[in-house]
């Protein structure tokens, strides 16, 4: 009787563990960073490039990759694009 209870608990743990492994494999793949490094001045001079960069940033944010595995070029370009966008938004129009 006691053996059956232990086996049932182990089966439940195994089922939970397997479900967690299956779910961990779901989600979007990590986007590949194939881009040059840019700074905020580039995005100020090329505002049409801000949205495509922010799309890449959203793909990285939604991927299963750990934040520490995100390439530095992606992190820096995301920050530069966001900063440039904020500067363009607060700059008075002539």
N, C-alpha and C. Protein backbone atom coordinates (compact mmCIF):
# COMPACT_ATOMS: atom_id res chain seq x y z
N UNK A 1 0.82 -1.19 0.00
CA UNK A 1 0.00 0.00 0.00
C UNK A 1 0.87 1.26 0.00
N UNK A 2 1.88 1.26 0.89
CA UNK A 2 2.77 2.41 0.96
C UNK A 2 3.58 2.56 -0.33
N UNK A 3 3.99 1.47 -0.93
CA UNK A 3 4.75 1.49 -2.18
C UNK A 3 3.93 2.12 -3.30
N UNK A 4 2.65 1.84 -3.37
CA UNK A 4 1.80 2.39 -4.41
C UNK A 4 1.69 3.91 -4.28
N UNK A 5 1.61 4.42 -3.08
CA UNK A 5 1.52 5.87 -2.86
C UNK A 5 2.80 6.57 -3.31
N UNK A 6 3.95 5.96 -3.04
CA UNK A 6 5.23 6.55 -3.44
C UNK A 6 5.34 6.56 -4.96
N UNK A 7 4.96 5.48 -5.60
CA UNK A 7 5.01 5.40 -7.06
C UNK A 7 4.10 6.44 -7.69
N UNK A 8 2.91 6.63 -7.15
CA UNK A 8 1.98 7.63 -7.68
C UNK A 8 2.54 9.04 -7.55
N UNK A 9 3.20 9.34 -6.44
CA UNK A 9 3.80 10.66 -6.26
C UNK A 9 4.94 10.88 -7.24
N UNK A 10 5.73 9.85 -7.48
CA UNK A 10 6.82 9.96 -8.45
C UNK A 10 6.29 10.17 -9.86
N UNK A 11 5.20 9.49 -10.19
CA UNK A 11 4.60 9.67 -11.52
C UNK A 11 4.10 11.10 -11.69
N UNK A 12 3.51 11.66 -10.66
CA UNK A 12 3.02 13.03 -10.72
C UNK A 12 4.18 14.00 -10.90
N UNK A 13 5.26 13.79 -10.14
CA UNK A 13 6.44 14.65 -10.28
C UNK A 13 7.02 14.55 -11.69
N UNK A 14 7.08 13.35 -12.21
CA UNK A 14 7.61 13.14 -13.56
C UNK A 14 6.74 13.84 -14.60
N UNK A 15 5.43 13.76 -14.43
CA UNK A 15 4.52 14.42 -15.37
C UNK A 15 4.69 15.93 -15.33
N UNK A 16 4.84 16.49 -14.14
CA UNK A 16 5.04 17.94 -14.01
C UNK A 16 6.37 18.34 -14.64
N UNK A 17 7.40 17.57 -14.38
CA UNK A 17 8.72 17.87 -14.93
C UNK A 17 8.71 17.81 -16.46
N UNK A 18 8.08 16.80 -17.02
CA UNK A 18 8.01 16.66 -18.48
C UNK A 18 7.21 17.81 -19.10
N UNK A 19 6.13 18.19 -18.46
CA UNK A 19 5.32 19.31 -18.95
C UNK A 19 6.15 20.59 -18.95
N UNK A 20 6.90 20.82 -17.89
CA UNK A 20 7.75 22.01 -17.81
C UNK A 20 8.80 22.01 -18.92
N UNK A 21 9.39 20.86 -19.20
CA UNK A 21 10.37 20.78 -20.28
C UNK A 21 9.74 21.07 -21.64
N UNK A 22 8.56 20.57 -21.86
CA UNK A 22 7.88 20.83 -23.13
C UNK A 22 7.56 22.30 -23.29
N UNK A 23 7.08 22.93 -22.23
CA UNK A 23 6.74 24.35 -22.30
C UNK A 23 7.97 25.22 -22.46
N UNK A 24 9.08 24.80 -21.91
CA UNK A 24 10.32 25.57 -22.03
C UNK A 24 10.79 25.65 -23.47
N UNK A 25 10.42 24.68 -24.28
CA UNK A 25 10.81 24.67 -25.68
C UNK A 25 9.91 25.51 -26.56
N UNK A 26 8.82 26.01 -26.03
CA UNK A 26 7.89 26.82 -26.82
C UNK A 26 8.37 28.26 -26.89
N UNK A 27 7.79 29.01 -27.81
CA UNK A 27 8.12 30.42 -27.93
C UNK A 27 8.88 30.68 -29.21
N UNK A 28 9.20 31.93 -29.42
CA UNK A 28 9.89 32.29 -30.66
C UNK A 28 11.38 32.01 -30.52
N UNK A 29 12.00 31.80 -31.64
CA UNK A 29 13.44 31.55 -31.65
C UNK A 29 14.19 32.86 -31.42
N UNK A 30 15.41 32.73 -30.99
CA UNK A 30 16.23 33.91 -30.75
C UNK A 30 16.62 34.53 -32.08
N UNK A 31 16.35 35.81 -32.27
CA UNK A 31 16.75 36.46 -33.52
C UNK A 31 18.27 36.55 -33.61
N UNK A 32 18.77 36.50 -34.81
CA UNK A 32 20.21 36.56 -35.00
C UNK A 32 20.66 38.01 -35.20
N UNK A 33 21.65 38.45 -34.44
CA UNK A 33 22.11 39.83 -34.57
C UNK A 33 23.10 39.96 -35.73
N UNK A 34 22.67 40.49 -36.82
CA UNK A 34 23.54 40.72 -37.96
C UNK A 34 23.41 42.20 -38.29
N UNK A 35 24.05 43.03 -37.46
CA UNK A 35 23.89 44.46 -37.61
C UNK A 35 25.14 45.18 -37.14
N UNK A 36 25.38 46.35 -37.71
CA UNK A 36 26.49 47.16 -37.20
C UNK A 36 26.07 47.89 -35.93
N UNK A 37 27.04 48.25 -35.13
CA UNK A 37 26.75 49.03 -33.92
C UNK A 37 26.40 50.46 -34.34
N UNK A 38 25.36 50.99 -33.72
CA UNK A 38 24.90 52.36 -34.02
C UNK A 38 24.81 53.13 -32.71
N UNK A 39 24.97 54.44 -32.78
CA UNK A 39 24.73 55.26 -31.59
C UNK A 39 23.52 56.15 -31.84
N UNK A 40 23.15 56.91 -30.82
CA UNK A 40 21.93 57.72 -30.92
C UNK A 40 22.01 58.75 -32.03
N UNK A 41 23.22 59.23 -32.35
CA UNK A 41 23.37 60.22 -33.42
C UNK A 41 22.97 59.64 -34.78
N UNK A 42 23.27 58.37 -34.98
CA UNK A 42 22.86 57.71 -36.23
C UNK A 42 21.34 57.72 -36.36
N UNK A 43 20.65 57.37 -35.26
CA UNK A 43 19.19 57.30 -35.31
C UNK A 43 18.55 58.69 -35.40
N UNK A 44 19.20 59.72 -34.87
CA UNK A 44 18.71 61.10 -35.04
C UNK A 44 18.82 61.48 -36.51
N UNK A 45 19.93 61.13 -37.14
CA UNK A 45 20.15 61.44 -38.56
C UNK A 45 19.31 60.56 -39.48
N UNK A 46 18.92 59.38 -39.01
CA UNK A 46 18.15 58.42 -39.82
C UNK A 46 16.93 57.95 -39.03
N UNK A 47 15.96 58.83 -38.79
CA UNK A 47 14.81 58.44 -37.95
C UNK A 47 13.98 57.30 -38.53
N UNK A 48 14.08 57.08 -39.83
CA UNK A 48 13.34 55.96 -40.44
C UNK A 48 13.91 54.61 -40.02
N UNK A 49 15.09 54.58 -39.41
CA UNK A 49 15.70 53.34 -38.95
C UNK A 49 15.34 52.99 -37.50
N UNK A 50 14.65 53.90 -36.81
CA UNK A 50 14.30 53.66 -35.41
C UNK A 50 13.29 52.52 -35.28
N UNK A 51 12.22 52.57 -36.04
CA UNK A 51 11.18 51.53 -35.91
C UNK A 51 11.69 50.14 -36.28
N UNK A 52 12.46 49.98 -37.38
CA UNK A 52 13.01 48.63 -37.65
C UNK A 52 13.90 48.12 -36.51
N UNK A 53 14.67 49.01 -35.89
CA UNK A 53 15.51 48.59 -34.77
C UNK A 53 14.65 48.23 -33.57
N UNK A 54 13.61 48.99 -33.32
CA UNK A 54 12.74 48.67 -32.19
C UNK A 54 11.98 47.37 -32.42
N UNK A 55 11.72 47.03 -33.67
CA UNK A 55 11.11 45.73 -33.97
C UNK A 55 12.07 44.60 -33.57
N UNK A 56 13.34 44.76 -33.88
CA UNK A 56 14.34 43.77 -33.47
C UNK A 56 14.41 43.68 -31.95
N UNK A 57 14.33 44.83 -31.30
CA UNK A 57 14.37 44.86 -29.83
C UNK A 57 13.18 44.07 -29.25
N UNK A 58 12.01 44.26 -29.85
CA UNK A 58 10.82 43.53 -29.37
C UNK A 58 10.97 42.02 -29.61
N UNK A 59 11.58 41.64 -30.73
CA UNK A 59 11.82 40.22 -31.00
C UNK A 59 12.75 39.61 -29.95
N UNK A 60 13.79 40.33 -29.59
CA UNK A 60 14.70 39.85 -28.56
C UNK A 60 14.00 39.77 -27.22
N UNK A 61 13.20 40.79 -26.91
CA UNK A 61 12.50 40.80 -25.63
C UNK A 61 11.52 39.63 -25.53
N UNK A 62 10.93 39.24 -26.66
CA UNK A 62 9.96 38.15 -26.67
C UNK A 62 10.57 36.77 -26.87
N UNK A 63 11.88 36.69 -27.06
CA UNK A 63 12.50 35.39 -27.29
C UNK A 63 12.75 34.68 -25.97
N UNK A 64 13.12 33.43 -26.07
CA UNK A 64 13.43 32.62 -24.88
C UNK A 64 14.85 32.83 -24.40
N UNK A 65 15.61 33.66 -25.08
CA UNK A 65 17.02 33.85 -24.71
C UNK A 65 17.13 34.60 -23.40
N UNK A 66 18.08 34.18 -22.59
CA UNK A 66 18.34 34.90 -21.35
C UNK A 66 18.93 36.27 -21.69
N UNK A 67 18.62 37.26 -20.87
CA UNK A 67 19.07 38.62 -21.19
C UNK A 67 20.59 38.72 -21.26
N UNK A 68 21.30 37.91 -20.48
CA UNK A 68 22.76 37.97 -20.53
C UNK A 68 23.34 37.36 -21.80
N UNK A 69 22.53 36.64 -22.57
CA UNK A 69 23.01 36.09 -23.83
C UNK A 69 22.72 37.01 -25.01
N UNK A 70 22.01 38.09 -24.76
CA UNK A 70 21.71 39.06 -25.82
C UNK A 70 23.01 39.76 -26.20
N UNK A 71 23.34 39.79 -27.48
CA UNK A 71 24.59 40.43 -27.89
C UNK A 71 24.61 41.91 -27.52
N UNK A 72 25.78 42.41 -27.19
CA UNK A 72 25.93 43.81 -26.78
C UNK A 72 25.47 44.76 -27.88
N UNK A 73 25.69 44.39 -29.14
CA UNK A 73 25.29 45.28 -30.23
C UNK A 73 23.77 45.49 -30.23
N UNK A 74 23.02 44.46 -29.90
CA UNK A 74 21.56 44.58 -29.84
C UNK A 74 21.17 45.48 -28.68
N UNK A 75 21.74 45.24 -27.51
CA UNK A 75 21.43 46.07 -26.34
C UNK A 75 21.75 47.53 -26.60
N UNK A 76 22.93 47.80 -27.12
CA UNK A 76 23.35 49.18 -27.37
C UNK A 76 22.48 49.85 -28.43
N UNK A 77 22.19 49.13 -29.50
CA UNK A 77 21.37 49.72 -30.56
C UNK A 77 19.94 49.97 -30.07
N UNK A 78 19.42 49.08 -29.25
CA UNK A 78 18.07 49.29 -28.70
C UNK A 78 18.03 50.54 -27.83
N UNK A 79 19.02 50.70 -27.01
CA UNK A 79 19.08 51.89 -26.14
C UNK A 79 19.28 53.15 -26.96
N UNK A 80 20.13 53.09 -27.98
CA UNK A 80 20.39 54.26 -28.82
C UNK A 80 19.12 54.66 -29.59
N UNK A 81 18.42 53.68 -30.12
CA UNK A 81 17.18 53.98 -30.87
C UNK A 81 16.12 54.56 -29.95
N UNK A 82 15.98 54.01 -28.76
CA UNK A 82 14.99 54.53 -27.81
C UNK A 82 15.34 55.95 -27.38
N UNK A 83 16.61 56.22 -27.14
CA UNK A 83 17.03 57.56 -26.74
C UNK A 83 16.78 58.55 -27.88
N UNK A 84 17.16 58.17 -29.09
CA UNK A 84 16.95 59.05 -30.24
C UNK A 84 15.47 59.34 -30.44
N UNK A 85 14.64 58.33 -30.29
CA UNK A 85 13.19 58.52 -30.44
C UNK A 85 12.66 59.50 -29.39
N UNK A 86 13.15 59.39 -28.17
CA UNK A 86 12.70 60.31 -27.12
C UNK A 86 13.18 61.72 -27.39
N UNK A 87 14.40 61.87 -27.92
CA UNK A 87 14.92 63.20 -28.23
C UNK A 87 14.16 63.85 -29.39
N UNK A 88 13.81 63.04 -30.37
CA UNK A 88 13.04 63.56 -31.51
C UNK A 88 11.67 64.00 -31.03
N UNK A 89 11.09 63.23 -30.10
CA UNK A 89 9.74 63.55 -29.59
C UNK A 89 9.71 64.84 -28.79
N UNK A 90 10.79 65.16 -28.06
CA UNK A 90 10.77 66.37 -27.23
C UNK A 90 11.35 67.60 -27.93
N UNK A 91 11.95 67.40 -29.10
CA UNK A 91 12.52 68.52 -29.84
C UNK A 91 11.38 69.34 -30.44
N UNK A 92 11.35 70.66 -30.18
CA UNK A 92 10.28 71.48 -30.73
C UNK A 92 10.36 71.54 -32.26
N UNK A 93 9.22 71.47 -32.88
CA UNK A 93 9.13 71.57 -34.35
C UNK A 93 9.21 73.03 -34.76
N UNK A 94 9.91 73.29 -35.81
CA UNK A 94 10.05 74.68 -36.28
C UNK A 94 8.93 75.06 -37.22
